[in-house]
N, C-alpha and C. Protein backbone atom coordinates (compact mmCIF):
# COMPACT_ATOMS: atom_id res chain seq x y z
N UNK A 1 0.83 -1.17 0.01
CA UNK A 1 0.02 0.02 0.00
C UNK A 1 0.91 1.17 0.02
N UNK A 2 0.60 2.15 -0.83
CA UNK A 2 1.26 3.44 -0.88
C UNK A 2 1.19 4.21 0.32
N UNK A 3 2.24 5.09 0.61
CA UNK A 3 2.30 5.94 1.88
C UNK A 3 0.96 6.69 2.08
N UNK A 4 0.43 7.29 1.08
CA UNK A 4 -0.84 8.08 1.29
C UNK A 4 -1.96 7.28 1.75
N UNK A 5 -1.97 6.04 1.21
CA UNK A 5 -3.01 5.10 1.62
C UNK A 5 -2.81 4.68 3.15
N UNK A 6 -1.56 4.42 3.50
CA UNK A 6 -1.20 4.08 4.85
C UNK A 6 -1.54 4.99 5.86
N UNK A 7 -1.22 6.25 5.39
CA UNK A 7 -1.53 7.50 6.35
C UNK A 7 -3.01 7.63 6.51
N UNK A 8 -3.70 7.52 5.33
CA UNK A 8 -5.17 7.47 5.48
C UNK A 8 -5.77 6.46 6.39
N UNK A 9 -5.24 5.28 6.28
CA UNK A 9 -5.75 4.21 7.05
C UNK A 9 -5.41 4.39 8.50
N UNK A 10 -4.23 4.93 8.81
CA UNK A 10 -3.92 5.34 10.22
C UNK A 10 -4.81 6.31 10.73
N UNK A 11 -5.15 7.34 9.97
CA UNK A 11 -6.03 8.47 10.47
C UNK A 11 -7.44 7.92 10.65
N UNK A 12 -7.95 7.00 9.84
CA UNK A 12 -9.22 6.51 9.90
C UNK A 12 -9.35 5.54 11.11
N UNK A 13 -8.34 4.72 11.32
CA UNK A 13 -8.25 3.84 12.43
C UNK A 13 -8.31 4.62 13.76
N UNK A 14 -7.48 5.69 13.87
CA UNK A 14 -7.50 6.52 15.12
C UNK A 14 -8.88 7.17 15.29
N UNK A 15 -9.56 7.60 14.18
CA UNK A 15 -10.79 8.35 14.36
C UNK A 15 -11.88 7.25 14.76
N UNK A 16 -11.90 6.09 14.25
CA UNK A 16 -12.87 5.08 14.53
C UNK A 16 -12.65 4.51 15.98
N UNK A 17 -11.38 4.36 16.33
CA UNK A 17 -11.06 3.87 17.68
C UNK A 17 -11.48 4.81 18.71
N UNK A 18 -11.36 6.11 18.43
CA UNK A 18 -11.69 7.09 19.51
C UNK A 18 -13.11 7.55 19.50
N UNK A 19 -13.88 7.00 18.64
CA UNK A 19 -15.34 7.39 18.54
C UNK A 19 -16.28 6.34 18.86
N UNK A 20 -16.96 6.38 20.07
CA UNK A 20 -17.95 5.27 20.52
C UNK A 20 -19.20 5.42 19.65
N UNK A 21 -19.58 6.46 19.06
CA UNK A 21 -20.85 6.69 18.39
C UNK A 21 -20.67 6.21 16.95
N UNK A 22 -21.42 5.15 16.55
CA UNK A 22 -21.30 4.58 15.10
C UNK A 22 -21.53 5.63 14.10
N UNK A 23 -22.54 6.51 14.28
CA UNK A 23 -22.86 7.53 13.22
C UNK A 23 -21.50 8.44 13.03
N UNK A 24 -21.09 8.99 14.19
CA UNK A 24 -19.87 9.89 14.02
C UNK A 24 -18.67 9.18 13.46
N UNK A 25 -18.55 7.82 13.77
CA UNK A 25 -17.45 7.02 13.24
C UNK A 25 -17.52 7.04 11.79
N UNK A 26 -18.76 6.72 11.20
CA UNK A 26 -18.93 6.67 9.79
C UNK A 26 -18.78 8.11 9.13
N UNK A 27 -19.21 9.12 9.86
CA UNK A 27 -19.09 10.43 9.26
C UNK A 27 -17.52 10.82 9.19
N UNK A 28 -16.78 10.50 10.23
CA UNK A 28 -15.38 10.80 10.14
C UNK A 28 -14.82 9.99 9.10
N UNK A 29 -15.05 8.71 8.81
CA UNK A 29 -14.50 7.93 7.86
C UNK A 29 -14.66 8.58 6.50
N UNK A 30 -15.90 8.94 6.17
CA UNK A 30 -16.11 9.50 4.71
C UNK A 30 -15.45 10.85 4.59
N UNK A 31 -15.42 11.56 5.66
CA UNK A 31 -14.63 12.86 5.59
C UNK A 31 -13.14 12.69 5.33
N UNK A 32 -12.53 11.69 6.08
CA UNK A 32 -11.14 11.51 5.98
C UNK A 32 -10.74 10.84 4.65
N UNK A 33 -11.59 10.05 4.12
CA UNK A 33 -11.34 9.57 2.82
C UNK A 33 -11.37 10.64 1.74
N UNK A 34 -12.40 11.41 1.73
CA UNK A 34 -12.47 12.58 0.80
C UNK A 34 -11.19 13.51 1.00
N UNK A 35 -10.89 13.85 2.21
CA UNK A 35 -9.86 14.85 2.41
C UNK A 35 -8.43 14.33 2.06
N UNK A 36 -8.21 13.03 2.25
CA UNK A 36 -6.81 12.42 2.13
C UNK A 36 -6.63 11.92 0.70
N UNK A 37 -7.64 11.64 -0.01
CA UNK A 37 -7.52 11.03 -1.43
C UNK A 37 -8.29 11.77 -2.34
N UNK A 38 -7.63 12.76 -2.99
CA UNK A 38 -8.28 13.66 -3.87
C UNK A 38 -9.03 13.12 -5.17
N UNK A 39 -8.66 11.85 -5.56
CA UNK A 39 -9.35 11.30 -6.64
C UNK A 39 -10.73 10.72 -6.23
N UNK A 40 -10.97 10.64 -4.95
CA UNK A 40 -12.18 10.21 -4.35
C UNK A 40 -13.23 11.41 -4.31
N UNK A 41 -13.97 11.60 -5.37
CA UNK A 41 -14.86 12.70 -5.56
C UNK A 41 -16.17 12.63 -4.84
N UNK A 42 -16.53 11.32 -4.55
CA UNK A 42 -17.68 11.11 -3.78
C UNK A 42 -17.43 9.92 -2.85
N UNK A 43 -17.64 10.04 -1.56
CA UNK A 43 -17.38 9.06 -0.59
C UNK A 43 -18.62 8.89 0.20
N UNK A 44 -19.09 7.71 0.35
CA UNK A 44 -20.29 7.51 1.15
C UNK A 44 -20.44 6.14 1.70
N UNK A 45 -21.31 6.00 2.54
CA UNK A 45 -21.64 4.70 3.18
C UNK A 45 -23.17 4.42 3.07
N UNK A 46 -23.49 3.31 2.62
CA UNK A 46 -24.91 2.83 2.59
C UNK A 46 -24.99 1.69 3.65
N UNK A 47 -26.14 1.72 4.31
CA UNK A 47 -26.38 0.77 5.34
C UNK A 47 -27.63 -0.16 4.96
N UNK A 48 -27.35 -1.52 5.21
CA UNK A 48 -28.44 -2.52 4.83
C UNK A 48 -29.60 -2.37 5.83
N UNK A 49 -30.73 -2.10 5.29
CA UNK A 49 -31.98 -2.19 6.01
C UNK A 49 -32.85 -3.04 5.29
N UNK A 50 -33.14 -4.31 5.91
CA UNK A 50 -34.01 -5.15 5.20
C UNK A 50 -33.39 -5.60 3.91
N UNK A 51 -34.08 -5.40 2.78
CA UNK A 51 -33.56 -5.71 1.43
C UNK A 51 -33.09 -4.55 0.62
N UNK A 52 -32.85 -3.36 1.31
CA UNK A 52 -32.44 -2.17 0.69
C UNK A 52 -31.13 -1.62 1.32
N UNK A 53 -30.39 -0.97 0.59
CA UNK A 53 -29.26 -0.10 0.96
C UNK A 53 -29.77 1.24 1.12
N UNK A 54 -29.56 1.86 2.27
CA UNK A 54 -30.02 3.18 2.60
C UNK A 54 -28.79 4.05 2.80
N UNK A 55 -28.83 5.22 2.01
CA UNK A 55 -27.73 6.11 2.18
C UNK A 55 -27.57 6.68 3.50
N UNK A 56 -26.24 6.63 4.11
CA UNK A 56 -25.92 7.23 5.28
C UNK A 56 -24.97 8.39 5.02
N UNK A 57 -23.97 8.58 5.82
CA UNK A 57 -23.12 9.68 5.72
C UNK A 57 -22.35 9.71 4.37
N UNK A 58 -22.25 10.91 3.78
CA UNK A 58 -21.44 10.98 2.50
C UNK A 58 -20.82 12.29 2.35
N UNK A 59 -19.83 12.50 1.51
CA UNK A 59 -19.23 13.70 1.19
C UNK A 59 -19.18 13.72 -0.30
N UNK A 60 -19.87 14.74 -0.82
CA UNK A 60 -20.00 14.98 -2.45
C UNK A 60 -21.34 15.54 -2.63
N UNK A 61 -21.54 15.56 -3.98
CA UNK A 61 -22.82 16.06 -4.42
C UNK A 61 -23.97 15.10 -3.97
N UNK A 62 -25.14 15.68 -3.64
CA UNK A 62 -26.23 14.92 -3.16
C UNK A 62 -26.64 13.70 -4.29
N UNK A 63 -26.99 12.57 -3.81
CA UNK A 63 -27.23 11.50 -4.67
C UNK A 63 -28.75 11.35 -4.77
N UNK A 64 -29.27 11.01 -6.02
CA UNK A 64 -30.68 10.65 -6.13
C UNK A 64 -30.92 9.33 -5.56
N UNK A 65 -29.91 8.54 -5.31
CA UNK A 65 -30.12 7.02 -4.93
C UNK A 65 -29.86 6.96 -3.45
N UNK A 66 -30.92 7.34 -2.73
CA UNK A 66 -30.93 7.20 -1.31
C UNK A 66 -31.38 5.85 -0.77
N UNK A 67 -32.05 5.12 -1.59
CA UNK A 67 -32.39 3.68 -1.29
C UNK A 67 -32.09 2.79 -2.52
N UNK A 68 -31.43 1.76 -2.36
CA UNK A 68 -31.04 0.93 -3.50
C UNK A 68 -31.36 -0.50 -3.09
N UNK A 69 -32.33 -1.11 -3.93
CA UNK A 69 -32.65 -2.68 -3.66
C UNK A 69 -31.42 -3.40 -3.85
N UNK A 70 -31.25 -4.53 -3.00
CA UNK A 70 -30.17 -5.46 -3.16
C UNK A 70 -30.28 -5.98 -4.56
N UNK A 71 -29.02 -6.13 -5.24
CA UNK A 71 -28.97 -6.62 -6.61
C UNK A 71 -29.14 -5.53 -7.64
N UNK A 72 -29.54 -4.44 -7.27
CA UNK A 72 -29.68 -3.30 -8.29
C UNK A 72 -28.39 -2.35 -8.26
N UNK A 73 -27.92 -2.05 -9.53
CA UNK A 73 -26.73 -1.17 -9.58
C UNK A 73 -25.57 -1.84 -9.07
N UNK A 74 -24.44 -1.13 -9.11
CA UNK A 74 -23.15 -1.71 -8.64
C UNK A 74 -23.10 -1.90 -7.10
N UNK A 75 -23.81 -0.87 -6.44
CA UNK A 75 -23.96 -1.00 -4.93
C UNK A 75 -24.72 -2.22 -4.56
N UNK A 76 -25.92 -2.44 -5.23
CA UNK A 76 -26.75 -3.56 -4.87
C UNK A 76 -25.99 -4.94 -5.28
N UNK A 77 -25.24 -4.97 -6.33
CA UNK A 77 -24.55 -6.09 -6.80
C UNK A 77 -23.57 -6.49 -5.73
N UNK A 78 -22.75 -5.43 -5.30
CA UNK A 78 -21.60 -5.74 -4.34
C UNK A 78 -22.27 -6.38 -3.01
N UNK A 79 -23.32 -5.74 -2.57
CA UNK A 79 -23.99 -6.27 -1.32
C UNK A 79 -24.50 -7.62 -1.64
N UNK A 80 -25.12 -7.96 -2.64
CA UNK A 80 -25.78 -9.24 -2.95
C UNK A 80 -24.62 -10.30 -3.01
N UNK A 81 -23.56 -9.95 -3.75
CA UNK A 81 -22.41 -10.79 -3.98
C UNK A 81 -21.46 -10.90 -2.83
N UNK A 82 -21.64 -10.08 -1.75
CA UNK A 82 -20.73 -9.93 -0.67
C UNK A 82 -19.22 -9.84 -1.11
N UNK A 83 -19.04 -9.03 -2.08
CA UNK A 83 -17.72 -8.90 -2.63
C UNK A 83 -17.44 -7.48 -3.16
N UNK A 84 -16.21 -7.05 -3.04
CA UNK A 84 -15.78 -5.75 -3.60
C UNK A 84 -15.86 -5.77 -5.12
N UNK A 85 -16.45 -4.62 -5.65
CA UNK A 85 -16.54 -4.50 -7.10
C UNK A 85 -15.83 -3.16 -7.54
N UNK A 86 -14.96 -3.28 -8.52
CA UNK A 86 -14.27 -2.12 -9.09
C UNK A 86 -14.79 -2.04 -10.49
N UNK A 87 -15.22 -0.78 -10.74
CA UNK A 87 -15.70 -0.51 -12.23
C UNK A 87 -14.72 0.49 -12.69
N UNK A 88 -13.92 0.27 -13.78
CA UNK A 88 -12.83 1.25 -14.39
C UNK A 88 -13.63 2.25 -15.07
N UNK A 89 -14.77 1.98 -15.74
CA UNK A 89 -15.45 2.93 -16.63
C UNK A 89 -16.98 2.58 -16.45
N UNK A 90 -17.65 3.60 -15.68
CA UNK A 90 -19.00 3.28 -15.32
C UNK A 90 -19.88 3.39 -16.52
N UNK A 91 -19.47 4.13 -17.57
CA UNK A 91 -20.27 4.30 -18.69
C UNK A 91 -20.32 2.95 -19.52
N UNK A 92 -19.35 2.04 -19.23
CA UNK A 92 -19.43 0.76 -20.03
C UNK A 92 -20.04 -0.37 -19.18
N UNK A 93 -20.54 -0.06 -17.92
CA UNK A 93 -21.20 -1.13 -17.02
C UNK A 93 -22.67 -0.86 -17.02
N UNK A 94 -23.47 -1.72 -17.58
CA UNK A 94 -24.97 -1.54 -17.49
C UNK A 94 -25.56 -1.48 -16.15
N UNK A 95 -24.88 -1.92 -15.08
CA UNK A 95 -25.33 -1.94 -13.71
C UNK A 95 -25.21 -0.56 -13.10
N UNK A 96 -24.38 0.32 -13.69
CA UNK A 96 -24.25 1.58 -13.07
C UNK A 96 -25.45 2.51 -13.07
N UNK A 97 -25.79 3.09 -11.76
CA UNK A 97 -26.91 3.93 -11.56
C UNK A 97 -26.30 5.25 -11.59
N UNK A 98 -26.59 6.05 -12.59
CA UNK A 98 -26.00 7.38 -12.71
C UNK A 98 -26.27 8.32 -11.61
N UNK A 99 -25.29 8.89 -10.96
CA UNK A 99 -25.48 9.88 -9.91
C UNK A 99 -25.07 11.28 -10.42
N UNK A 100 -23.92 11.28 -11.12
CA UNK A 100 -23.23 12.46 -11.49
C UNK A 100 -22.61 12.30 -12.92
N UNK A 101 -22.81 13.14 -13.84
CA UNK A 101 -22.33 12.98 -15.14
C UNK A 101 -20.76 13.15 -15.21
N UNK A 102 -20.14 13.49 -14.16
CA UNK A 102 -18.71 13.59 -14.08
C UNK A 102 -18.07 12.19 -13.62
N UNK A 103 -18.91 11.42 -12.93
CA UNK A 103 -18.33 10.23 -12.41
C UNK A 103 -17.79 9.31 -13.58
N UNK A 104 -16.63 8.72 -13.45
CA UNK A 104 -16.09 7.81 -14.49
C UNK A 104 -15.81 6.50 -13.87
N UNK A 105 -15.48 6.23 -12.66
CA UNK A 105 -15.10 5.00 -12.07
C UNK A 105 -15.64 5.01 -10.69
N UNK A 106 -15.86 3.71 -10.13
CA UNK A 106 -16.43 3.41 -8.83
C UNK A 106 -15.91 2.22 -8.22
N UNK A 107 -15.78 2.18 -6.89
CA UNK A 107 -15.48 1.04 -6.15
C UNK A 107 -16.44 0.90 -5.05
N UNK A 108 -16.95 -0.27 -4.76
CA UNK A 108 -17.87 -0.58 -3.72
C UNK A 108 -17.42 -1.73 -2.96
N UNK A 109 -17.35 -1.51 -1.59
CA UNK A 109 -16.78 -2.50 -0.66
C UNK A 109 -17.75 -2.81 0.50
N UNK A 110 -18.22 -4.06 0.46
CA UNK A 110 -19.19 -4.36 1.58
C UNK A 110 -18.56 -4.29 3.00
N UNK A 111 -19.29 -3.84 3.79
CA UNK A 111 -19.00 -3.83 5.32
C UNK A 111 -19.59 -5.01 5.85
N UNK A 112 -18.86 -6.01 6.37
CA UNK A 112 -19.39 -7.35 6.70
C UNK A 112 -19.05 -7.65 8.21
N UNK A 113 -19.99 -8.35 8.80
CA UNK A 113 -19.74 -8.99 10.16
C UNK A 113 -19.92 -10.53 9.92
N UNK A 114 -18.90 -11.05 9.79
CA UNK A 114 -18.90 -12.63 9.45
C UNK A 114 -19.52 -12.73 7.99
N UNK A 115 -20.62 -13.30 7.87
CA UNK A 115 -21.16 -13.51 6.51
C UNK A 115 -22.30 -12.55 6.26
N UNK A 116 -22.52 -11.67 7.18
CA UNK A 116 -23.63 -10.68 7.12
C UNK A 116 -23.24 -9.33 6.57
N UNK A 117 -23.92 -8.91 5.56
CA UNK A 117 -23.53 -7.52 5.01
C UNK A 117 -24.37 -6.55 5.94
N UNK A 118 -23.53 -5.58 6.43
CA UNK A 118 -24.17 -4.47 7.32
C UNK A 118 -24.36 -3.26 6.46
N UNK A 119 -23.60 -3.13 5.47
CA UNK A 119 -23.57 -1.97 4.62
C UNK A 119 -22.39 -1.97 3.66
N UNK A 120 -22.04 -0.79 3.19
CA UNK A 120 -20.91 -0.76 2.17
C UNK A 120 -20.45 0.59 2.08
N UNK A 121 -19.08 0.72 1.71
CA UNK A 121 -18.41 1.94 1.27
C UNK A 121 -18.55 2.03 -0.16
N UNK A 122 -18.91 3.24 -0.63
CA UNK A 122 -19.10 3.45 -2.08
C UNK A 122 -18.37 4.77 -2.39
N UNK A 123 -17.37 4.52 -3.23
CA UNK A 123 -16.46 5.71 -3.67
C UNK A 123 -16.52 5.98 -5.15
N UNK A 124 -16.72 7.09 -5.55
CA UNK A 124 -16.78 7.51 -6.97
C UNK A 124 -15.57 8.35 -7.29
N UNK A 125 -15.13 8.34 -8.60
CA UNK A 125 -14.07 9.22 -9.00
C UNK A 125 -14.46 9.82 -10.43
N UNK A 126 -13.93 10.91 -10.66
CA UNK A 126 -14.05 11.63 -11.92
C UNK A 126 -13.09 11.10 -12.94
N UNK A 127 -12.22 10.26 -12.49
CA UNK A 127 -11.13 9.71 -13.45
C UNK A 127 -11.47 8.32 -13.79
N UNK A 128 -11.29 7.92 -15.00
CA UNK A 128 -11.34 6.56 -15.43
C UNK A 128 -10.28 5.73 -14.79
N UNK A 129 -10.72 4.57 -14.38
CA UNK A 129 -9.72 3.55 -13.77
C UNK A 129 -8.94 4.14 -12.64
N UNK A 130 -9.65 4.92 -11.73
CA UNK A 130 -9.04 5.60 -10.62
C UNK A 130 -8.63 4.64 -9.40
N UNK A 131 -9.22 3.47 -9.46
CA UNK A 131 -8.99 2.57 -8.27
C UNK A 131 -8.27 1.37 -8.68
N UNK A 132 -7.21 1.14 -7.78
CA UNK A 132 -6.30 -0.04 -8.00
C UNK A 132 -6.30 -0.79 -6.82
N UNK A 133 -5.23 -1.80 -6.75
CA UNK A 133 -5.03 -2.64 -5.67
C UNK A 133 -4.95 -1.90 -4.24
N UNK A 134 -4.17 -0.79 -4.24
CA UNK A 134 -4.01 -0.08 -3.02
C UNK A 134 -5.29 0.52 -2.49
N UNK A 135 -6.16 0.96 -3.50
CA UNK A 135 -7.46 1.42 -2.95
C UNK A 135 -8.33 0.29 -2.44
N UNK A 136 -8.28 -0.83 -3.07
CA UNK A 136 -9.08 -1.97 -2.59
C UNK A 136 -8.61 -2.48 -1.20
N UNK A 137 -7.24 -2.54 -1.03
CA UNK A 137 -6.65 -2.91 0.21
C UNK A 137 -7.04 -1.93 1.35
N UNK A 138 -6.93 -0.66 1.05
CA UNK A 138 -7.34 0.36 2.03
C UNK A 138 -8.77 0.28 2.39
N UNK A 139 -9.65 0.36 1.50
CA UNK A 139 -11.17 0.26 1.62
C UNK A 139 -11.58 -0.96 2.47
N UNK A 140 -11.01 -2.10 2.00
CA UNK A 140 -11.40 -3.33 2.62
C UNK A 140 -11.06 -3.29 4.09
N UNK A 141 -9.79 -2.71 4.41
CA UNK A 141 -9.37 -2.48 5.82
C UNK A 141 -10.27 -1.53 6.57
N UNK A 142 -10.72 -0.54 5.88
CA UNK A 142 -11.56 0.47 6.55
C UNK A 142 -12.93 -0.23 6.86
N UNK A 143 -13.47 -1.04 5.90
CA UNK A 143 -14.70 -1.71 6.06
C UNK A 143 -14.61 -2.69 7.34
N UNK A 144 -13.53 -3.32 7.49
CA UNK A 144 -13.25 -4.23 8.57
C UNK A 144 -13.24 -3.41 9.93
N UNK A 145 -12.60 -2.15 9.90
CA UNK A 145 -12.69 -1.37 11.07
C UNK A 145 -14.10 -0.86 11.45
N UNK A 146 -14.91 -0.53 10.39
CA UNK A 146 -16.22 -0.11 10.64
C UNK A 146 -17.20 -1.22 11.18
N UNK A 147 -17.00 -2.32 10.63
CA UNK A 147 -18.08 -3.39 11.05
C UNK A 147 -18.39 -3.54 12.52
N UNK A 148 -17.31 -3.48 13.46
CA UNK A 148 -17.68 -3.67 14.78
C UNK A 148 -18.39 -2.37 15.41
N UNK A 149 -18.33 -1.26 14.76
CA UNK A 149 -18.91 -0.11 15.16
C UNK A 149 -20.48 -0.02 14.79
N UNK A 150 -20.73 -0.71 13.82
CA UNK A 150 -22.19 -0.56 13.24
C UNK A 150 -23.03 -1.60 14.02
N UNK A 151 -23.99 -0.98 14.70
CA UNK A 151 -24.84 -1.74 15.63
C UNK A 151 -26.20 -2.21 14.86
N UNK A 152 -27.25 -2.40 15.58
CA UNK A 152 -28.49 -2.80 15.06
C UNK A 152 -29.10 -1.65 14.07
N UNK A 153 -29.89 -2.17 13.15
CA UNK A 153 -30.33 -1.21 12.13
C UNK A 153 -30.96 0.05 12.73
N UNK A 154 -31.75 -0.05 13.81
CA UNK A 154 -32.44 1.02 14.39
C UNK A 154 -31.47 2.01 15.10
N UNK A 155 -30.28 1.50 15.33
CA UNK A 155 -29.24 2.23 15.92
C UNK A 155 -28.29 3.06 15.01
N UNK A 156 -28.47 2.59 13.67
CA UNK A 156 -27.49 3.07 12.76
C UNK A 156 -28.25 3.82 11.55
N UNK A 157 -29.40 4.31 11.70
CA UNK A 157 -30.07 5.02 10.76
C UNK A 157 -29.37 6.51 10.63
N UNK A 158 -29.17 6.94 9.36
CA UNK A 158 -28.47 8.13 9.24
C UNK A 158 -29.20 9.07 8.29
N UNK A 159 -29.11 10.42 8.54
CA UNK A 159 -29.63 11.31 7.60
C UNK A 159 -28.90 11.37 6.34
N UNK A 160 -29.56 11.35 5.28
CA UNK A 160 -28.80 11.45 4.01
C UNK A 160 -28.60 12.92 3.52
N UNK A 161 -27.58 13.42 4.41
CA UNK A 161 -27.22 14.91 4.16
C UNK A 161 -25.74 14.81 3.92
N UNK A 162 -25.32 15.77 3.00
CA UNK A 162 -23.85 15.85 2.58
C UNK A 162 -23.12 16.43 3.87
N UNK A 163 -21.84 15.98 4.04
CA UNK A 163 -21.03 16.45 5.15
C UNK A 163 -20.08 17.46 4.52
N UNK A 164 -19.67 18.41 5.41
CA UNK A 164 -18.62 19.32 4.83
C UNK A 164 -17.23 18.59 4.89
N UNK A 165 -16.53 18.76 3.88
CA UNK A 165 -15.26 18.16 3.73
C UNK A 165 -14.08 18.99 4.32
């Protein structure tokens, strides 16, 4: 992992470890990702509620996709498959749910507790093929740090409002 990714992971680990409130831990996470990695033009967390992903904290332009059914779009596919999905060019992937005309690539990483999907990290970039192995390693580590912080669905509901970066 590159130094910038390691420093970002260290900052996120410290923020999550010091924050007992799951909502604030998620808010800090998306803010730090957006601040440290400038190619990350939209950073957000979706939380699984029933069979839908519900938009939680995010940094970036408001998304029209505040609720996504499992299996729909790249986010729904990642949750259904319980696997990280990287899309180098969203315009060539029929699963992509358009949020911004500037978005060119996306990475979605499930947040898991054992075999249960709790939610996911969703990161967009305005650059084609912006996400590589270092991004995947970083975001999968961040998802693993967030998983223990995310409690029961009624305790992790979040307002779908943008956060200041």
